[in-house]
Amino acid sequence: MQPLHTSIKTETSHAFCEDFAAPALAHLTPAETGTGGGLFQANDLGHVCSTIDQPENFDRLAPKSETANRSKPLYTDEQRARRDASVWTLVQAILAPIQFVVFLISLGLVGYYLSTGKGYEAATISILIKTFLLYTIMITGSIWEKVVFDEWLFVEAFFWEDVFSMLVLALQTLYVAALLNGWWTPEQQVYIAVAAYATYVINAGQFLWKLRQARREVQGVSPMGGSRADDQSSSAKHTANRWAGQES
């Protein structure tokens, strides 16, 4: 099998060349692949692979497809296996919807207090419960990241999610500090919680998007029906043979 290089320096492209382009080119003779070094282009997939003897104009021939800049997968195979095996994944899956339900109840109580001036005690208790759940999910979430990614917080895959989570935590901690120390008026204290809740909504949206992205990666289904691997392998063989025919 001919060793291949890729002009697109990403793990995805390199894996494509090794797994799909190499088998596609393996049955071609040197005459078929050209004396100046074989070149394999899969423009529809955003990859360019070549045999070890690359032509001088190889970089110029590389496609500029947007698919060349595909985002990095959220999980490696090892990380996904650790995620699926960890009890902390289940803990997060239980705590997240509970926190959201408490948020909705608390939001209603806070809105009622701010609009009527009544129900301050109920609103306060609900905010404290929400804060407790937030601390719980942040602590267990950091343990989950350590188990899956070997980092406590701010891993690359969830960096901005963790940033917004810390902002929510800071605002709700400020609310508790203001409540215990008598800073500002009760209404002003509650508005701190409102700011925390608004940030929480953004943060929840971030995690829902990542959950959707992770599910799409696991499914790995192409728009035409088969798996991505099947589509890539078929396209690689077709394009390699087409290129060889043009050169001969």
Protein backbone atom coordinates (compact mmCIF):
# COMPACT_ATOMS: atom_id res chain seq x y z
CA MET A 1 0.00 0.00 0.00
CA GLN A 2 1.38 3.38 -0.97
CA PRO A 3 2.10 5.75 1.91
CA LEU A 4 0.01 8.91 1.70
CA HIS A 5 0.33 12.48 2.81
CA THR A 6 -2.41 15.05 3.19
CA SER A 7 -2.14 18.72 2.31
CA ILE A 8 -4.79 19.59 4.87
CA LYS A 9 -3.12 19.29 8.24
CA THR A 10 -6.01 18.08 10.37
CA GLU A 11 -6.61 14.81 12.15
CA THR A 12 -9.80 14.28 10.16
CA SER A 13 -8.07 14.64 6.79
CA HIS A 14 -5.12 12.48 7.82
CA ALA A 15 -7.46 9.75 9.04
CA PHE A 16 -9.36 9.97 5.77
CA CYS A 17 -6.19 9.53 3.71
CA GLU A 18 -5.01 6.60 5.80
CA ASP A 19 -8.36 4.80 6.01
CA PHE A 20 -9.98 5.48 2.65
CA ALA A 21 -7.61 6.99 0.09
CA ALA A 22 -4.80 4.47 0.67
CA PRO A 23 -7.00 1.41 0.05
CA ALA A 24 -8.46 3.12 -3.02
CA LEU A 25 -5.01 3.76 -4.52
CA ALA A 26 -3.43 0.48 -3.43
CA HIS A 27 -4.52 -1.42 -6.53
CA LEU A 28 -3.20 1.22 -8.96
CA THR A 29 0.18 0.71 -10.64
CA PRO A 30 2.92 3.39 -10.64
CA ALA A 31 2.08 4.09 -14.29
CA GLU A 32 -1.53 4.71 -13.32
CA THR A 33 -0.65 7.01 -10.46
CA GLY A 34 1.83 9.00 -12.58
CA THR A 35 5.60 9.31 -12.55
CA GLY A 36 5.58 12.58 -10.65
CA GLY A 37 3.84 11.11 -7.66
CA GLY A 38 0.23 10.14 -7.27
CA LEU A 39 -2.35 12.77 -6.39
CA PHE A 40 -5.76 11.94 -5.05
CA GLN A 41 -8.41 14.65 -4.76
CA ALA A 42 -11.83 14.32 -3.12
CA ASN A 43 -13.15 17.80 -3.66
CA ASP A 44 -16.60 16.98 -2.42
CA LEU A 45 -15.17 15.79 0.87
CA GLY A 46 -12.57 18.53 1.26
CA HIS A 47 -9.53 16.24 1.30
CA VAL A 48 -6.41 15.96 -0.81
CA CYS A 49 -4.05 12.99 -0.44
CA SER A 50 -0.91 12.15 -2.36
CA THR A 51 1.65 9.38 -2.51
CA ILE A 52 4.94 10.02 -0.78
CA ASP A 53 6.44 11.54 -3.97
CA GLN A 54 4.34 14.69 -4.19
CA PRO A 55 4.28 16.82 -7.36
CA GLU A 56 5.77 20.28 -7.09
CA ASN A 57 2.41 21.96 -7.60
CA PHE A 58 0.70 19.78 -4.99
CA ASP A 59 -0.15 22.60 -2.57
CA ARG A 60 -1.56 24.69 -5.40
CA LEU A 61 -3.85 21.82 -6.39
CA ALA A 62 -5.31 21.47 -2.91
CA PRO A 63 -9.03 22.31 -2.88
CA LYS A 64 -10.22 25.29 -0.90
CA SER A 65 -13.47 23.68 0.13
CA GLU A 66 -15.08 24.88 3.33
CA THR A 67 -15.32 21.28 4.44
CA ALA A 68 -11.55 21.34 4.89
CA ASN A 69 -12.16 23.37 8.02
CA ARG A 70 -14.47 20.93 9.70
CA SER A 71 -14.72 21.35 13.42
CA LYS A 72 -12.84 19.01 15.69
CA PRO A 73 -14.99 16.21 17.15
CA LEU A 74 -16.15 16.76 20.73
CA TYR A 75 -14.81 13.40 21.88
CA THR A 76 -12.11 11.01 20.84
CA ASP A 77 -13.06 7.33 20.87
CA GLU A 78 -11.35 6.92 24.25
CA GLN A 79 -13.10 9.94 25.74
CA ARG A 80 -16.46 8.77 24.44
CA ALA A 81 -15.90 5.36 26.02
CA ARG A 82 -15.03 6.96 29.37
CA ARG A 83 -18.06 9.23 29.11
CA ASP A 84 -20.43 6.33 28.47
CA ALA A 85 -18.94 4.25 31.29
CA SER A 86 -18.85 6.99 33.94
CA VAL A 87 -21.52 7.24 36.64
CA TRP A 88 -20.97 11.01 36.59
CA THR A 89 -22.55 11.13 33.14
CA LEU A 90 -25.75 9.77 34.65
CA VAL A 91 -25.49 12.23 37.53
CA GLN A 92 -25.27 15.13 35.09
CA ALA A 93 -28.17 13.76 33.06
CA ILE A 94 -30.33 13.69 36.20
CA LEU A 95 -29.28 17.02 37.71
CA ALA A 96 -29.57 19.10 34.52
CA PRO A 97 -33.35 18.67 33.99
CA ILE A 98 -34.00 19.01 37.74
CA GLN A 99 -32.14 22.31 37.76
CA PHE A 100 -34.13 23.48 34.73
CA VAL A 101 -37.47 22.68 36.39
CA VAL A 102 -36.40 24.52 39.55
CA PHE A 103 -35.32 27.44 37.35
CA LEU A 104 -38.76 27.65 35.72
CA ILE A 105 -40.53 27.57 39.10
CA SER A 106 -38.17 30.14 40.58
CA LEU A 107 -38.50 32.36 37.52
CA GLY A 108 -42.26 32.41 38.00
CA LEU A 109 -41.95 33.24 41.70
CA VAL A 110 -39.38 35.96 41.03
CA GLY A 111 -41.54 37.46 38.31
CA TYR A 112 -44.55 37.45 40.62
CA TYR A 113 -42.60 39.22 43.36
CA LEU A 114 -41.17 41.87 41.04
CA SER A 115 -44.56 42.58 39.48
CA THR A 116 -46.67 42.58 42.66
CA GLY A 117 -44.26 43.10 45.54
CA LYS A 118 -45.65 39.94 47.14
CA GLY A 119 -44.12 36.52 47.69
CA TYR A 120 -40.61 37.69 48.56
CA GLU A 121 -39.95 34.75 50.89
CA ALA A 122 -40.99 32.15 48.32
CA ALA A 123 -38.89 33.83 45.64
CA THR A 124 -35.88 33.95 47.96
CA ILE A 125 -36.17 30.27 48.90
CA SER A 126 -36.47 29.28 45.24
CA ILE A 127 -33.34 31.26 44.33
CA LEU A 128 -31.40 29.60 47.16
CA ILE A 129 -32.51 26.15 45.99
CA LYS A 130 -31.48 27.03 42.44
CA THR A 131 -28.09 28.21 43.73
CA PHE A 132 -27.58 24.96 45.67
CA LEU A 133 -28.36 22.90 42.57
CA LEU A 134 -26.01 25.04 40.51
CA TYR A 135 -23.12 24.42 42.90
CA THR A 136 -23.94 20.72 42.91
CA ILE A 137 -23.98 20.42 39.14
CA MET A 138 -20.78 22.50 38.82
CA ILE A 139 -18.89 20.29 41.28
CA THR A 140 -20.11 17.03 39.76
CA GLY A 141 -19.57 18.47 36.29
CA SER A 142 -15.94 19.26 37.03
CA ILE A 143 -15.49 15.69 38.25
CA TRP A 144 -17.09 14.47 35.02
CA GLU A 145 -14.66 16.55 32.94
CA LYS A 146 -11.74 15.14 34.93
CA VAL A 147 -12.90 11.58 34.32
CA VAL A 148 -13.61 12.07 30.61
CA PHE A 149 -11.00 14.66 29.56
CA ASP A 150 -8.48 14.45 32.43
CA GLU A 151 -9.00 18.16 33.19
CA TRP A 152 -11.11 19.65 35.96
CA LEU A 153 -12.59 22.54 34.01
CA PHE A 154 -12.26 24.59 30.81
CA VAL A 155 -11.48 21.68 28.51
CA GLU A 156 -11.30 22.71 24.87
CA ALA A 157 -14.56 21.00 23.89
CA PHE A 158 -16.58 22.83 26.57
CA PHE A 159 -14.50 25.95 27.19
CA TRP A 160 -17.15 28.60 26.55
CA GLU A 161 -19.82 26.53 28.27
CA ASP A 162 -17.65 26.50 31.39
CA VAL A 163 -16.98 30.23 31.09
CA PHE A 164 -20.70 31.02 31.11
CA SER A 165 -21.29 28.49 33.89
CA MET A 166 -18.75 30.29 36.04
CA LEU A 167 -20.43 33.62 35.26
CA VAL A 168 -23.79 32.21 36.39
CA LEU A 169 -22.13 30.85 39.52
CA ALA A 170 -20.53 34.22 40.27
CA LEU A 171 -23.84 36.08 39.94
CA GLN A 172 -25.75 33.65 42.11
CA THR A 173 -22.96 33.70 44.70
CA LEU A 174 -23.16 37.49 44.69
CA TYR A 175 -26.89 37.21 45.34
CA VAL A 176 -26.33 34.96 48.35
CA ALA A 177 -23.64 37.28 49.71
CA ALA A 178 -25.95 40.29 49.27
CA LEU A 179 -28.78 38.46 51.00
CA LEU A 180 -26.67 37.38 53.99
CA ASN A 181 -24.95 40.74 54.42
CA GLY A 182 -27.95 42.94 53.75
CA TRP A 183 -26.41 44.63 50.72
CA TRP A 184 -28.87 46.74 48.72
CA THR A 185 -32.65 46.43 48.84
CA PRO A 186 -34.50 43.11 48.52
CA GLU A 187 -35.66 44.09 45.04
CA GLN A 188 -32.12 44.93 43.95
CA GLN A 189 -30.93 41.60 45.32
CA VAL A 190 -33.54 39.76 43.29
CA TYR A 191 -32.45 41.58 40.15
CA ILE A 192 -29.01 40.02 40.64
CA ALA A 193 -30.73 36.64 40.48
CA VAL A 194 -32.54 37.76 37.32
CA ALA A 195 -29.18 38.55 35.72
CA ALA A 196 -27.94 35.11 36.76
CA TYR A 197 -31.03 33.49 35.27
CA ALA A 198 -30.59 35.31 31.95
CA THR A 199 -27.00 34.06 31.77
CA TYR A 200 -28.18 30.57 32.71
CA VAL A 201 -30.54 30.52 29.71
CA ILE A 202 -27.61 31.27 27.39
CA ASN A 203 -25.54 28.59 29.12
CA ALA A 204 -28.32 26.02 28.81
CA GLY A 205 -28.57 26.79 25.11
CA GLN A 206 -24.83 26.20 24.73
CA PHE A 207 -25.06 22.76 26.33
CA LEU A 208 -28.13 21.80 24.30
CA TRP A 209 -26.24 22.67 21.12
CA LYS A 210 -23.26 20.55 22.21
CA LEU A 211 -25.61 17.68 23.08
CA ARG A 212 -27.09 17.86 19.59
CA GLN A 213 -23.60 17.98 18.08
CA ALA A 214 -22.50 14.94 20.10
CA ARG A 215 -25.54 12.95 19.00
CA ARG A 216 -24.91 13.77 15.35
CA GLU A 217 -21.31 12.57 15.72
CA VAL A 218 -22.45 9.29 17.26
CA GLN A 219 -25.10 8.69 14.58
CA GLY A 220 -22.61 9.42 11.79
CA VAL A 221 -25.33 9.20 9.17
CA SER A 222 -24.96 10.97 5.86
CA PRO A 223 -27.87 12.80 4.18
CA MET A 224 -28.11 10.04 1.54
CA GLY A 225 -28.64 7.26 4.05
CA GLY A 226 -25.48 5.17 4.72
CA SER A 227 -22.69 5.84 7.13
CA ARG A 228 -20.09 8.53 6.55
CA ALA A 229 -17.40 5.84 6.35
CA ASP A 230 -19.25 4.05 3.55
CA ASP A 231 -19.77 7.30 1.66
CA GLN A 232 -16.14 8.35 2.04
CA SER A 233 -14.78 4.95 1.01
CA SER A 234 -17.02 4.80 -2.06
CA SER A 235 -16.19 8.37 -3.06
CA ALA A 236 -12.47 7.77 -2.53
CA LYS A 237 -12.41 4.76 -4.83
CA HIS A 238 -14.50 6.50 -7.47
CA THR A 239 -12.39 9.66 -7.45
CA ALA A 240 -9.08 7.76 -7.43
CA ASN A 241 -10.10 5.71 -10.45
CA ARG A 242 -11.40 8.81 -12.23
CA TRP A 243 -8.11 10.65 -11.59
CA ALA A 244 -6.07 7.67 -12.80
CA GLY A 245 -8.14 7.51 -15.98
CA GLN A 246 -7.53 11.18 -16.70
CA GLU A 247 -3.77 10.76 -16.30
CA SER A 248 -3.45 7.66 -18.47
